[in-house]
PDB file of N, CA and C in Angstrom:
ATOM      1  N   UNK A   1    -166.419  12.579 -45.370  1.00  0.00           N
ATOM      2  CA  UNK A   1    -166.023  12.833 -43.953  1.00  0.00           C
ATOM      3  C   UNK A   1    -166.357  11.499 -43.169  1.00  0.00           C
ATOM      4  N   UNK A   2    -165.496  11.157 -42.232  1.00  0.00           N
ATOM      5  CA  UNK A   2    -165.677   9.870 -41.524  1.00  0.00           C
ATOM      6  C   UNK A   2    -166.798  10.020 -40.404  1.00  0.00           C
ATOM      7  N   UNK A   3    -167.460   8.836 -40.144  1.00  0.00           N
ATOM      8  CA  UNK A   3    -168.610   8.852 -39.279  1.00  0.00           C
ATOM      9  C   UNK A   3    -168.288   9.364 -37.979  1.00  0.00           C
ATOM     10  N   UNK A   4    -167.131   8.997 -37.360  1.00  0.00           N
ATOM     11  CA  UNK A   4    -166.859   9.530 -36.087  1.00  0.00           C
ATOM     12  C   UNK A   4    -166.629  11.043 -35.972  1.00  0.00           C
ATOM     13  N   UNK A   5    -166.090  11.579 -36.965  1.00  0.00           N
ATOM     14  CA  UNK A   5    -165.936  13.111 -37.095  1.00  0.00           C
ATOM     15  C   UNK A   5    -167.263  13.708 -37.196  1.00  0.00           C
ATOM     16  N   UNK A   6    -168.173  13.210 -38.090  1.00  0.00           N
ATOM     17  CA  UNK A   6    -169.461  13.644 -38.258  1.00  0.00           C
ATOM     18  C   UNK A   6    -170.220  13.690 -36.983  1.00  0.00           C
ATOM     19  N   UNK A   7    -170.112  12.618 -36.221  1.00  0.00           N
ATOM     20  CA  UNK A   7    -170.832  12.430 -34.945  1.00  0.00           C
ATOM     21  C   UNK A   7    -170.326  13.544 -33.905  1.00  0.00           C
ATOM     22  N   UNK A   8    -169.000  13.693 -33.894  1.00  0.00           N
ATOM     23  CA  UNK A   8    -168.416  14.723 -32.991  1.00  0.00           C
ATOM     24  C   UNK A   8    -168.990  16.156 -33.338  1.00  0.00           C
ATOM     25  N   UNK A   9    -169.026  16.531 -34.702  1.00  0.00           N
ATOM     26  CA  UNK A   9    -169.454  17.736 -35.082  1.00  0.00           C
ATOM     27  C   UNK A   9    -170.968  17.891 -34.765  1.00  0.00           C
ATOM     28  N   UNK A  10    -171.674  16.840 -34.981  1.00  0.00           N
ATOM     29  CA  UNK A  10    -173.159  16.915 -34.542  1.00  0.00           C
ATOM     30  C   UNK A  10    -173.393  17.177 -33.083  1.00  0.00           C
ATOM     31  N   UNK A  11    -172.570  16.452 -32.326  1.00  0.00           N
ATOM     32  CA  UNK A  11    -172.622  16.722 -30.882  1.00  0.00           C
ATOM     33  C   UNK A  11    -172.340  18.058 -30.497  1.00  0.00           C
ATOM     34  N   UNK A  12    -171.230  18.686 -31.074  1.00  0.00           N
ATOM     35  CA  UNK A  12    -170.829  19.998 -30.770  1.00  0.00           C
ATOM     36  C   UNK A  12    -171.891  21.055 -31.119  1.00  0.00           C
ATOM     37  N   UNK A  13    -172.447  20.821 -32.347  1.00  0.00           N
ATOM     38  CA  UNK A  13    -173.518  21.705 -32.815  1.00  0.00           C
ATOM     39  C   UNK A  13    -174.802  21.696 -31.907  1.00  0.00           C
ATOM     40  N   UNK A  14    -175.109  20.477 -31.548  1.00  0.00           N
ATOM     41  CA  UNK A  14    -176.313  20.327 -30.658  1.00  0.00           C
ATOM     42  C   UNK A  14    -176.082  20.865 -29.188  1.00  0.00           C
ATOM     43  N   UNK A  15    -174.761  20.780 -28.782  1.00  0.00           N
ATOM     44  CA  UNK A  15    -174.465  21.291 -27.490  1.00  0.00           C
ATOM     45  C   UNK A  15    -174.539  22.808 -27.493  1.00  0.00           C
ATOM     46  N   UNK A  16    -173.982  23.438 -28.571  1.00  0.00           N
ATOM     47  CA  UNK A  16    -174.107  24.926 -28.782  1.00  0.00           C
ATOM     48  C   UNK A  16    -175.507  25.429 -28.784  1.00  0.00           C
ATOM     49  N   UNK A  17    -176.313  24.581 -29.494  1.00  0.00           N
ATOM     50  CA  UNK A  17    -177.790  24.966 -29.584  1.00  0.00           C
ATOM     51  C   UNK A  17    -178.509  24.865 -28.224  1.00  0.00           C
ATOM     52  N   UNK A  18    -178.177  23.788 -27.567  1.00  0.00           N
ATOM     53  CA  UNK A  18    -178.763  23.693 -26.216  1.00  0.00           C
ATOM     54  C   UNK A  18    -178.431  24.892 -25.256  1.00  0.00           C
ATOM     55  N   UNK A  19    -177.099  25.288 -25.350  1.00  0.00           N
ATOM     56  CA  UNK A  19    -176.604  26.314 -24.540  1.00  0.00           C
ATOM     57  C   UNK A  19    -177.299  27.593 -24.898  1.00  0.00           C
ATOM     58  N   UNK A  20    -177.433  27.967 -26.141  1.00  0.00           N
ATOM     59  CA  UNK A  20    -178.094  29.096 -26.588  1.00  0.00           C
ATOM     60  C   UNK A  20    -179.576  29.159 -26.149  1.00  0.00           C
ATOM     61  N   UNK A  21    -180.274  28.028 -26.235  1.00  0.00           N
ATOM     62  CA  UNK A  21    -181.617  27.879 -25.834  1.00  0.00           C
ATOM     63  C   UNK A  21    -181.761  28.064 -24.327  1.00  0.00           C
ATOM     64  N   UNK A  22    -180.744  27.662 -23.601  1.00  0.00           N
ATOM     65  CA  UNK A  22    -180.738  27.840 -22.108  1.00  0.00           C
ATOM     66  C   UNK A  22    -180.572  29.262 -21.783  1.00  0.00           C
ATOM     67  N   UNK A  23    -179.732  29.989 -22.512  1.00  0.00           N
ATOM     68  CA  UNK A  23    -179.525  31.342 -22.217  1.00  0.00           C
ATOM     69  C   UNK A  23    -180.836  32.176 -22.603  1.00  0.00           C
ATOM     70  N   UNK A  24    -181.483  31.726 -23.633  1.00  0.00           N
ATOM     71  CA  UNK A  24    -182.719  32.340 -24.038  1.00  0.00           C
ATOM     72  C   UNK A  24    -183.794  32.243 -22.974  1.00  0.00           C
ATOM     73  N   UNK A  25    -183.807  31.080 -22.389  1.00  0.00           N
ATOM     74  CA  UNK A  25    -184.793  30.855 -21.399  1.00  0.00           C
ATOM     75  C   UNK A  25    -184.526  31.632 -20.105  1.00  0.00           C
ATOM     76  N   UNK A  26    -183.198  31.731 -19.726  1.00  0.00           N
ATOM     77  CA  UNK A  26    -182.873  32.486 -18.571  1.00  0.00           C
ATOM     78  C   UNK A  26    -183.149  34.002 -18.665  1.00  0.00           C
ATOM     79  N   UNK A  27    -183.065  34.575 -19.917  1.00  0.00           N
ATOM     80  CA  UNK A  27    -183.136  35.964 -20.154  1.00  0.00           C
ATOM     81  C   UNK A  27    -184.583  36.393 -20.470  1.00  0.00           C
ATOM     82  N   UNK A  28    -185.494  35.491 -20.396  1.00  0.00           N
ATOM     83  CA  UNK A  28    -186.900  35.856 -20.627  1.00  0.00           C
ATOM     84  C   UNK A  28    -187.470  36.985 -19.873  1.00  0.00           C
ATOM     85  N   UNK A  29    -187.184  37.063 -18.533  1.00  0.00           N
ATOM     86  CA  UNK A  29    -187.597  38.038 -17.674  1.00  0.00           C
ATOM     87  C   UNK A  29    -187.009  39.418 -18.115  1.00  0.00           C
ATOM     88  N   UNK A  30    -185.772  39.480 -18.519  1.00  0.00           N
ATOM     89  CA  UNK A  30    -185.130  40.718 -18.939  1.00  0.00           C
ATOM     90  C   UNK A  30    -185.852  41.309 -20.229  1.00  0.00           C
ATOM     91  N   UNK A  31    -186.373  40.383 -21.100  1.00  0.00           N
ATOM     92  CA  UNK A  31    -187.035  40.823 -22.328  1.00  0.00           C
ATOM     93  C   UNK A  31    -188.465  41.287 -22.060  1.00  0.00           C
ATOM     94  N   UNK A  32    -188.971  41.018 -20.932  1.00  0.00           N
ATOM     95  CA  UNK A  32    -190.400  41.223 -20.603  1.00  0.00           C
ATOM     96  C   UNK A  32    -190.752  42.734 -20.672  1.00  0.00           C
ATOM     97  N   UNK A  33    -191.989  42.979 -20.960  1.00  0.00           N
ATOM     98  CA  UNK A  33    -192.468  44.361 -21.041  1.00  0.00           C
ATOM     99  C   UNK A  33    -192.230  45.106 -19.792  1.00  0.00           C
ATOM    100  N   UNK A  34    -191.684  46.310 -19.901  1.00  0.00           N
ATOM    101  CA  UNK A  34    -191.429  47.266 -18.785  1.00  0.00           C
ATOM    102  C   UNK A  34    -192.720  47.915 -18.406  1.00  0.00           C
ATOM    103  N   UNK A  35    -193.137  47.768 -17.203  1.00  0.00           N
ATOM    104  CA  UNK A  35    -194.419  48.392 -16.710  1.00  0.00           C
ATOM    105  C   UNK A  35    -194.192  49.855 -16.488  1.00  0.00           C
ATOM    106  N   UNK A  36    -195.247  50.662 -16.809  1.00  0.00           N
ATOM    107  CA  UNK A  36    -195.233  52.074 -16.541  1.00  0.00           C
ATOM    108  C   UNK A  36    -195.891  52.336 -15.235  1.00  0.00           C
ATOM    109  N   UNK A  37    -195.165  52.445 -14.189  1.00  0.00           N
ATOM    110  CA  UNK A  37    -195.707  52.609 -12.857  1.00  0.00           C
ATOM    111  C   UNK A  37    -194.794  53.745 -12.165  1.00  0.00           C
ATOM    112  N   UNK A  38    -195.230  54.954 -12.421  1.00  0.00           N
ATOM    113  CA  UNK A  38    -194.436  56.077 -11.951  1.00  0.00           C
ATOM    114  C   UNK A  38    -194.472  56.262 -10.443  1.00  0.00           C
ATOM    115  N   UNK A  39    -195.357  55.599  -9.748  1.00  0.00           N
ATOM    116  CA  UNK A  39    -195.453  55.750  -8.348  1.00  0.00           C
ATOM    117  C   UNK A  39    -194.348  54.900  -7.647  1.00  0.00           C
ATOM    118  N   UNK A  40    -193.941  53.859  -8.284  1.00  0.00           N
ATOM    119  CA  UNK A  40    -192.826  53.026  -7.610  1.00  0.00           C
ATOM    120  C   UNK A  40    -191.501  53.099  -8.333  1.00  0.00           C
ATOM    121  N   UNK A  41    -191.509  53.563  -9.592  1.00  0.00           N
ATOM    122  CA  UNK A  41    -190.347  53.599 -10.341  1.00  0.00           C
ATOM    123  C   UNK A  41    -190.191  54.980 -10.956  1.00  0.00           C
ATOM    124  N   UNK A  42    -189.089  55.630 -10.697  1.00  0.00           N
ATOM    125  CA  UNK A  42    -188.734  56.928 -11.275  1.00  0.00           C
ATOM    126  C   UNK A  42    -188.634  56.912 -12.737  1.00  0.00           C
ATOM    127  N   UNK A  43    -188.550  58.091 -13.424  1.00  0.00           N
ATOM    128  CA  UNK A  43    -188.439  58.187 -14.852  1.00  0.00           C
ATOM    129  C   UNK A  43    -187.016  57.597 -15.379  1.00  0.00           C
ATOM    130  N   UNK A  44    -185.982  57.899 -14.710  1.00  0.00           N
ATOM    131  CA  UNK A  44    -184.649  57.412 -15.000  1.00  0.00           C
ATOM    132  C   UNK A  44    -184.511  55.966 -14.768  1.00  0.00           C
ATOM    133  N   UNK A  45    -185.152  55.457 -13.798  1.00  0.00           N
ATOM    134  CA  UNK A  45    -185.158  53.950 -13.518  1.00  0.00           C
ATOM    135  C   UNK A  45    -185.876  53.262 -14.633  1.00  0.00           C
ATOM    136  N   UNK A  46    -187.011  53.871 -15.091  1.00  0.00           N
ATOM    137  CA  UNK A  46    -187.747  53.204 -16.142  1.00  0.00           C
ATOM    138  C   UNK A  46    -186.910  53.354 -17.412  1.00  0.00           C
ATOM    139  N   UNK A  47    -186.188  54.396 -17.700  1.00  0.00           N
ATOM    140  CA  UNK A  47    -185.471  54.540 -18.903  1.00  0.00           C
ATOM    141  C   UNK A  47    -184.302  53.406 -18.920  1.00  0.00           C
ATOM    142  N   UNK A  48    -183.678  53.310 -17.733  1.00  0.00           N
ATOM    143  CA  UNK A  48    -182.666  52.229 -17.522  1.00  0.00           C
ATOM    144  C   UNK A  48    -183.283  50.799 -17.842  1.00  0.00           C
ATOM    145  N   UNK A  49    -184.513  50.642 -17.313  1.00  0.00           N
ATOM    146  CA  UNK A  49    -185.189  49.286 -17.549  1.00  0.00           C
ATOM    147  C   UNK A  49    -185.468  49.075 -19.065  1.00  0.00           C
ATOM    148  N   UNK A  50    -185.885  50.157 -19.651  1.00  0.00           N
ATOM    149  CA  UNK A  50    -186.122  50.084 -21.152  1.00  0.00           C
ATOM    150  C   UNK A  50    -184.929  49.721 -21.898  1.00  0.00           C
ATOM    151  N   UNK A  51    -183.805  50.349 -21.491  1.00  0.00           N
ATOM    152  CA  UNK A  51    -182.538  50.184 -22.234  1.00  0.00           C
ATOM    153  C   UNK A  51    -182.120  48.729 -21.994  1.00  0.00           C
ATOM    154  N   UNK A  52    -182.249  48.214 -20.725  1.00  0.00           N
ATOM    155  CA  UNK A  52    -181.914  46.888 -20.451  1.00  0.00           C
ATOM    156  C   UNK A  52    -182.799  45.879 -21.249  1.00  0.00           C
ATOM    157  N   UNK A  53    -184.079  46.263 -21.405  1.00  0.00           N
ATOM    158  CA  UNK A  53    -184.988  45.342 -22.160  1.00  0.00           C
ATOM    159  C   UNK A  53    -184.481  45.352 -23.670  1.00  0.00           C
ATOM    160  N   UNK A  54    -184.218  46.448 -24.228  1.00  0.00           N
ATOM    161  CA  UNK A  54    -183.752  46.514 -25.585  1.00  0.00           C
ATOM    162  C   UNK A  54    -182.418  45.780 -25.806  1.00  0.00           C
ATOM    163  N   UNK A  55    -181.607  45.855 -24.901  1.00  0.00           N
ATOM    164  CA  UNK A  55    -180.321  45.061 -25.042  1.00  0.00           C
ATOM    165  C   UNK A  55    -180.681  43.601 -24.998  1.00  0.00           C
ATOM    166  N   UNK A  56    -181.537  43.160 -24.036  1.00  0.00           N
ATOM    167  CA  UNK A  56    -181.919  41.784 -23.899  1.00  0.00           C
ATOM    168  C   UNK A  56    -182.637  41.214 -25.194  1.00  0.00           C
ATOM    169  N   UNK A  57    -183.406  42.088 -25.687  1.00  0.00           N
ATOM    170  CA  UNK A  57    -184.110  41.734 -26.969  1.00  0.00           C
ATOM    171  C   UNK A  57    -183.117  41.508 -28.163  1.00  0.00           C
ATOM    172  N   UNK A  58    -182.165  42.400 -28.237  1.00  0.00           N
ATOM    173  CA  UNK A  58    -181.161  42.409 -29.263  1.00  0.00           C
ATOM    174  C   UNK A  58    -180.361  41.119 -29.108  1.00  0.00           C
ATOM    175  N   UNK A  59    -180.001  40.745 -27.854  1.00  0.00           N
ATOM    176  CA  UNK A  59    -179.199  39.526 -27.608  1.00  0.00           C
ATOM    177  C   UNK A  59    -180.033  38.292 -28.017  1.00  0.00           C
ATOM    178  N   UNK A  60    -181.387  38.381 -27.740  1.00  0.00           N
ATOM    179  CA  UNK A  60    -182.205  37.221 -28.091  1.00  0.00           C
ATOM    180  C   UNK A  60    -182.240  37.059 -29.647  1.00  0.00           C
ATOM    181  N   UNK A  61    -182.435  38.189 -30.368  1.00  0.00           N
ATOM    182  CA  UNK A  61    -182.432  38.131 -31.844  1.00  0.00           C
ATOM    183  C   UNK A  61    -181.078  37.459 -32.345  1.00  0.00           C
ATOM    184  N   UNK A  62    -179.999  37.901 -31.680  1.00  0.00           N
ATOM    185  CA  UNK A  62    -178.721  37.269 -32.194  1.00  0.00           C
ATOM    186  C   UNK A  62    -178.662  35.812 -31.774  1.00  0.00           C
ATOM    187  N   UNK A  63    -179.206  35.389 -30.658  1.00  0.00           N
ATOM    188  CA  UNK A  63    -179.268  33.969 -30.291  1.00  0.00           C
ATOM    189  C   UNK A  63    -180.140  33.186 -31.265  1.00  0.00           C
ATOM    190  N   UNK A  64    -181.265  33.708 -31.554  1.00  0.00           N
ATOM    191  CA  UNK A  64    -182.177  33.114 -32.505  1.00  0.00           C
ATOM    192  C   UNK A  64    -181.464  32.849 -33.864  1.00  0.00           C
ATOM    193  N   UNK A  65    -180.683  33.833 -34.324  1.00  0.00           N
ATOM    194  CA  UNK A  65    -180.028  33.820 -35.663  1.00  0.00           C
ATOM    195  C   UNK A  65    -179.036  32.672 -35.603  1.00  0.00           C
ATOM    196  N   UNK A  66    -178.282  32.627 -34.484  1.00  0.00           N
ATOM    197  CA  UNK A  66    -177.247  31.553 -34.287  1.00  0.00           C
ATOM    198  C   UNK A  66    -177.845  30.204 -34.230  1.00  0.00           C
ATOM    199  N   UNK A  67    -179.070  30.135 -33.634  1.00  0.00           N
ATOM    200  CA  UNK A  67    -179.791  28.804 -33.546  1.00  0.00           C
ATOM    201  C   UNK A  67    -180.183  28.323 -35.047  1.00  0.00           C
ATOM    202  N   UNK A  68    -180.617  29.356 -35.829  1.00  0.00           N
ATOM    203  CA  UNK A  68    -180.960  29.047 -37.150  1.00  0.00           C
ATOM    204  C   UNK A  68    -179.750  28.627 -38.009  1.00  0.00           C
ATOM    205  N   UNK A  69    -178.602  29.265 -37.748  1.00  0.00           N
ATOM    206  CA  UNK A  69    -177.370  28.811 -38.447  1.00  0.00           C
ATOM    207  C   UNK A  69    -176.942  27.448 -38.040  1.00  0.00           C
ATOM    208  N   UNK A  70    -177.074  27.130 -36.686  1.00  0.00           N
ATOM    209  CA  UNK A  70    -176.786  25.747 -36.248  1.00  0.00           C
ATOM    210  C   UNK A  70    -177.700  24.742 -36.863  1.00  0.00           C
ATOM    211  N   UNK A  71    -179.058  25.062 -37.006  1.00  0.00           N
ATOM    212  CA  UNK A  71    -179.984  24.137 -37.580  1.00  0.00           C
ATOM    213  C   UNK A  71    -179.657  23.886 -39.105  1.00  0.00           C
ATOM    214  N   UNK A  72    -179.232  25.002 -39.734  1.00  0.00           N
ATOM    215  CA  UNK A  72    -178.840  24.882 -41.161  1.00  0.00           C
ATOM    216  C   UNK A  72    -177.647  23.975 -41.250  1.00  0.00           C
ATOM    217  N   UNK A  73    -176.640  24.205 -40.348  1.00  0.00           N
ATOM    218  CA  UNK A  73    -175.392  23.269 -40.407  1.00  0.00           C
ATOM    219  C   UNK A  73    -175.807  21.821 -40.107  1.00  0.00           C
ATOM    220  N   UNK A  74    -176.649  21.581 -39.166  1.00  0.00           N
ATOM    221  CA  UNK A  74    -177.183  20.239 -38.890  1.00  0.00           C
ATOM    222  C   UNK A  74    -177.781  19.660 -40.125  1.00  0.00           C
ATOM    223  N   UNK A  75    -178.578  20.459 -40.868  1.00  0.00           N
ATOM    224  CA  UNK A  75    -179.174  19.979 -42.111  1.00  0.00           C
ATOM    225  C   UNK A  75    -178.108  19.683 -43.145  1.00  0.00           C
ATOM    226  N   UNK A  76    -177.119  20.484 -43.275  1.00  0.00           N
ATOM    227  CA  UNK A  76    -176.081  20.255 -44.204  1.00  0.00           C
ATOM    228  C   UNK A  76    -175.333  18.959 -43.896  1.00  0.00           C
ATOM    229  N   UNK A  77    -175.142  18.835 -42.623  1.00  0.00           N
ATOM    230  CA  UNK A  77    -174.422  17.576 -42.092  1.00  0.00           C
ATOM    231  C   UNK A  77    -175.245  16.297 -42.454  1.00  0.00           C
ATOM    232  N   UNK A  78    -176.501  16.293 -42.311  1.00  0.00           N
ATOM    233  CA  UNK A  78    -177.398  15.153 -42.561  1.00  0.00           C
ATOM    234  C   UNK A  78    -177.491  14.990 -44.075  1.00  0.00           C
ATOM    235  N   UNK A  79    -177.347  16.013 -44.939  1.00  0.00           N
ATOM    236  CA  UNK A  79    -177.402  15.912 -46.410  1.00  0.00           C
ATOM    237  C   UNK A  79    -175.981  15.578 -46.943  1.00  0.00           C
ATOM    238  N   UNK A  80    -174.978  15.649 -46.099  1.00  0.00           N
ATOM    239  CA  UNK A  80    -173.720  15.333 -46.688  1.00  0.00           C
ATOM    240  C   UNK A  80    -172.981  16.527 -47.266  1.00  0.00           C
ATOM    241  N   UNK A  81    -173.528  17.683 -47.084  1.00  0.00           N
ATOM    242  CA  UNK A  81    -172.911  18.843 -47.702  1.00  0.00           C
ATOM    243  C   UNK A  81    -172.179  19.634 -46.706  1.00  0.00           C
ATOM    244  N   UNK A  82    -171.993  19.209 -45.460  1.00  0.00           N
ATOM    245  CA  UNK A  82    -171.316  20.041 -44.350  1.00  0.00           C
ATOM    246  C   UNK A  82    -169.788  20.091 -44.739  1.00  0.00           C
ATOM    247  N   UNK A  83    -169.217  21.364 -44.549  1.00  0.00           N
ATOM    248  CA  UNK A  83    -167.845  21.586 -44.841  1.00  0.00           C
ATOM    249  C   UNK A  83    -167.674  22.106 -46.139  1.00  0.00           C
ATOM    250  N   UNK A  84    -168.757  22.366 -46.869  1.00  0.00           N
ATOM    251  CA  UNK A  84    -168.591  22.981 -48.276  1.00  0.00           C
ATOM    252  C   UNK A  84    -169.311  24.218 -48.271  1.00  0.00           C
ATOM    253  N   UNK A  85    -168.790  25.242 -49.018  1.00  0.00           N
ATOM    254  CA  UNK A  85    -169.382  26.602 -49.048  1.00  0.00           C
ATOM    255  C   UNK A  85    -170.680  26.434 -49.807  1.00  0.00           C
ATOM    256  N   UNK A  86    -171.810  27.154 -49.214  1.00  0.00           N
ATOM    257  CA  UNK A  86    -173.084  27.074 -49.951  1.00  0.00           C
ATOM    258  C   UNK A  86    -173.094  28.035 -51.121  1.00  0.00           C
ATOM    259  N   UNK A  87    -172.149  28.868 -51.232  1.00  0.00           N
ATOM    260  CA  UNK A  87    -172.100  29.836 -52.340  1.00  0.00           C
ATOM    261  C   UNK A  87    -171.248  29.273 -53.504  1.00  0.00           C
ATOM    262  N   UNK A  88    -170.008  28.791 -53.250  1.00  0.00           N
ATOM    263  CA  UNK A  88    -169.224  28.377 -54.414  1.00  0.00           C
ATOM    264  C   UNK A  88    -168.949  26.916 -54.469  1.00  0.00           C
ATOM    265  N   UNK A  89    -169.289  26.203 -53.353  1.00  0.00           N
ATOM    266  CA  UNK A  89    -169.052  24.765 -53.322  1.00  0.00           C
ATOM    267  C   UNK A  89    -167.780  24.276 -52.881  1.00  0.00           C
ATOM    268  N   UNK A  90    -166.720  25.325 -52.726  1.00  0.00           N
ATOM    269  CA  UNK A  90    -165.359  24.862 -52.330  1.00  0.00           C
ATOM    270  C   UNK A  90    -165.408  24.453 -50.827  1.00  0.00           C
ATOM    271  N   UNK A  91    -164.373  23.698 -50.496  1.00  0.00           N
ATOM    272  CA  UNK A  91    -164.294  23.174 -49.089  1.00  0.00           C
ATOM    273  C   UNK A  91    -164.000  24.382 -48.114  1.00  0.00           C
ATOM    274  N   UNK A  92    -164.681  24.385 -47.033  1.00  0.00           N
ATOM    275  CA  UNK A  92    -164.392  25.365 -46.056  1.00  0.00           C
ATOM    276  C   UNK A  92    -163.190  24.921 -45.222  1.00  0.00           C
ATOM    277  N   UNK A  93    -162.296  25.764 -44.900  1.00  0.00           N
ATOM    278  CA  UNK A  93    -161.081  25.474 -44.192  1.00  0.00           C
ATOM    279  C   UNK A  93    -161.421  24.828 -42.914  1.00  0.00           C
ATOM    280  N   UNK A  94    -160.805  23.632 -42.499  1.00  0.00           N
ATOM    281  CA  UNK A  94    -161.107  23.022 -41.198  1.00  0.00           C
ATOM    282  C   UNK A  94    -160.918  23.924 -40.015  1.00  0.00           C
ATOM    283  N   UNK A  95    -159.954  24.853 -40.037  1.00  0.00           N
ATOM    284  CA  UNK A  95    -159.718  25.825 -38.936  1.00  0.00           C
ATOM    285  C   UNK A  95    -160.893  26.708 -38.758  1.00  0.00           C
ATOM    286  N   UNK A  96    -161.451  27.125 -39.902  1.00  0.00           N
ATOM    287  CA  UNK A  96    -162.630  28.032 -39.837  1.00  0.00           C
ATOM    288  C   UNK A  96    -163.811  27.239 -39.213  1.00  0.00           C
ATOM    289  N   UNK A  97    -163.968  25.938 -39.534  1.00  0.00           N
ATOM    290  CA  UNK A  97    -165.026  25.236 -38.975  1.00  0.00           C
ATOM    291  C   UNK A  97    -164.827  24.882 -37.486  1.00  0.00           C
ATOM    292  N   UNK A  98    -163.519  24.806 -37.153  1.00  0.00           N
ATOM    293  CA  UNK A  98    -163.134  24.690 -35.659  1.00  0.00           C
ATOM    294  C   UNK A  98    -163.648  25.835 -34.809  1.00  0.00           C
ATOM    295  N   UNK A  99    -163.465  27.054 -35.416  1.00  0.00           N
ATOM    296  CA  UNK A  99    -163.802  28.263 -34.775  1.00  0.00           C
ATOM    297  C   UNK A  99    -165.334  28.488 -34.768  1.00  0.00           C
ATOM    298  N   UNK A 100    -165.888  28.201 -35.983  1.00  0.00           N
ATOM    299  CA  UNK A 100    -167.398  28.328 -36.102  1.00  0.00           C
ATOM    300  C   UNK A 100    -167.949  27.203 -36.841  1.00  0.00           C
ATOM    301  N   UNK A 101    -168.358  26.161 -36.055  1.00  0.00           N
ATOM    302  CA  UNK A 101    -168.846  24.906 -36.703  1.00  0.00           C
ATOM    303  C   UNK A 101    -170.105  25.043 -37.569  1.00  0.00           C
ATOM    304  N   UNK A 102    -170.756  26.278 -37.435  1.00  0.00           N
ATOM    305  CA  UNK A 102    -171.990  26.549 -38.145  1.00  0.00           C
ATOM    306  C   UNK A 102    -171.636  27.343 -39.522  1.00  0.00           C
ATOM    307  N   UNK A 103    -170.353  27.539 -39.776  1.00  0.00           N
ATOM    308  CA  UNK A 103    -170.101  28.437 -40.939  1.00  0.00           C
ATOM    309  C   UNK A 103    -170.536  27.696 -42.211  1.00  0.00           C
ATOM    310  N   UNK A 104    -171.190  28.507 -42.951  1.00  0.00           N
ATOM    311  CA  UNK A 104    -171.771  28.191 -44.218  1.00  0.00           C
ATOM    312  C   UNK A 104    -171.017  28.523 -45.447  1.00  0.00           C
ATOM    313  N   UNK A 105    -170.038  29.526 -45.278  1.00  0.00           N
ATOM    314  CA  UNK A 105    -169.292  30.037 -46.407  1.00  0.00           C
ATOM    315  C   UNK A 105    -167.769  29.936 -46.142  1.00  0.00           C
ATOM    316  N   UNK A 106    -167.129  29.733 -47.251  1.00  0.00           N
ATOM    317  CA  UNK A 106    -165.638  29.738 -47.240  1.00  0.00           C
ATOM    318  C   UNK A 106    -165.226  31.199 -46.895  1.00  0.00           C
ATOM    319  N   UNK A 107    -163.914  31.364 -46.560  1.00  0.00           N
ATOM    320  CA  UNK A 107    -163.505  32.761 -46.298  1.00  0.00           C
ATOM    321  C   UNK A 107    -163.667  33.779 -47.502  1.00  0.00           C
ATOM    322  N   UNK A 108    -163.389  33.286 -48.588  1.00  0.00           N
ATOM    323  CA  UNK A 108    -163.570  34.142 -49.783  1.00  0.00           C
ATOM    324  C   UNK A 108    -165.018  34.674 -50.006  1.00  0.00           C
ATOM    325  N   UNK A 109    -165.975  33.700 -49.911  1.00  0.00           N
ATOM    326  CA  UNK A 109    -167.345  34.137 -50.140  1.00  0.00           C
ATOM    327  C   UNK A 109    -167.947  34.928 -48.827  1.00  0.00           C
ATOM    328  N   UNK A 110    -167.333  34.645 -47.704  1.00  0.00           N
ATOM    329  CA  UNK A 110    -167.802  35.330 -46.488  1.00  0.00           C
ATOM    330  C   UNK A 110    -167.443  36.813 -46.561  1.00  0.00           C
ATOM    331  N   UNK A 111    -166.404  37.055 -47.205  1.00  0.00           N
ATOM    332  CA  UNK A 111    -165.907  38.583 -47.388  1.00  0.00           C
ATOM    333  C   UNK A 111    -166.806  39.202 -48.280  1.00  0.00           C
TER     334      UNK A 111
END
C-alpha cells in the first residue's frame, strides 16, 4: 500500500478515535450514579434516570469496543498487515474498508 494512502487511513482512524473519545467525555454525567433521593425525585423519575444511565453505559461500552477496534487497525497499519483479514489472510475489499476502516475480517470470515 502506498505511503500517501496509509497516511490518509491513519488520519481517518485517528479522527474517528478522537471523535469517540470526545463523545465519551461528554456523556460522563449521563453515566454517573443515580442518587436515591425520594424527597426531590419521584419513583418514576428515578426509574427514568436509571434507564437513561443504563443506555449511556451501554453506549459507552460500544464506544470503548470501537476504540479498541481502531487501535487494533492502527497496529495492523503499523505492522503492514492492514487490509488483510486476520482470520484467513485474504485481502479485505476496499469498499468494506471505506465503510469501516477498522474492519479486521473479510466479508466471508465476518459472516
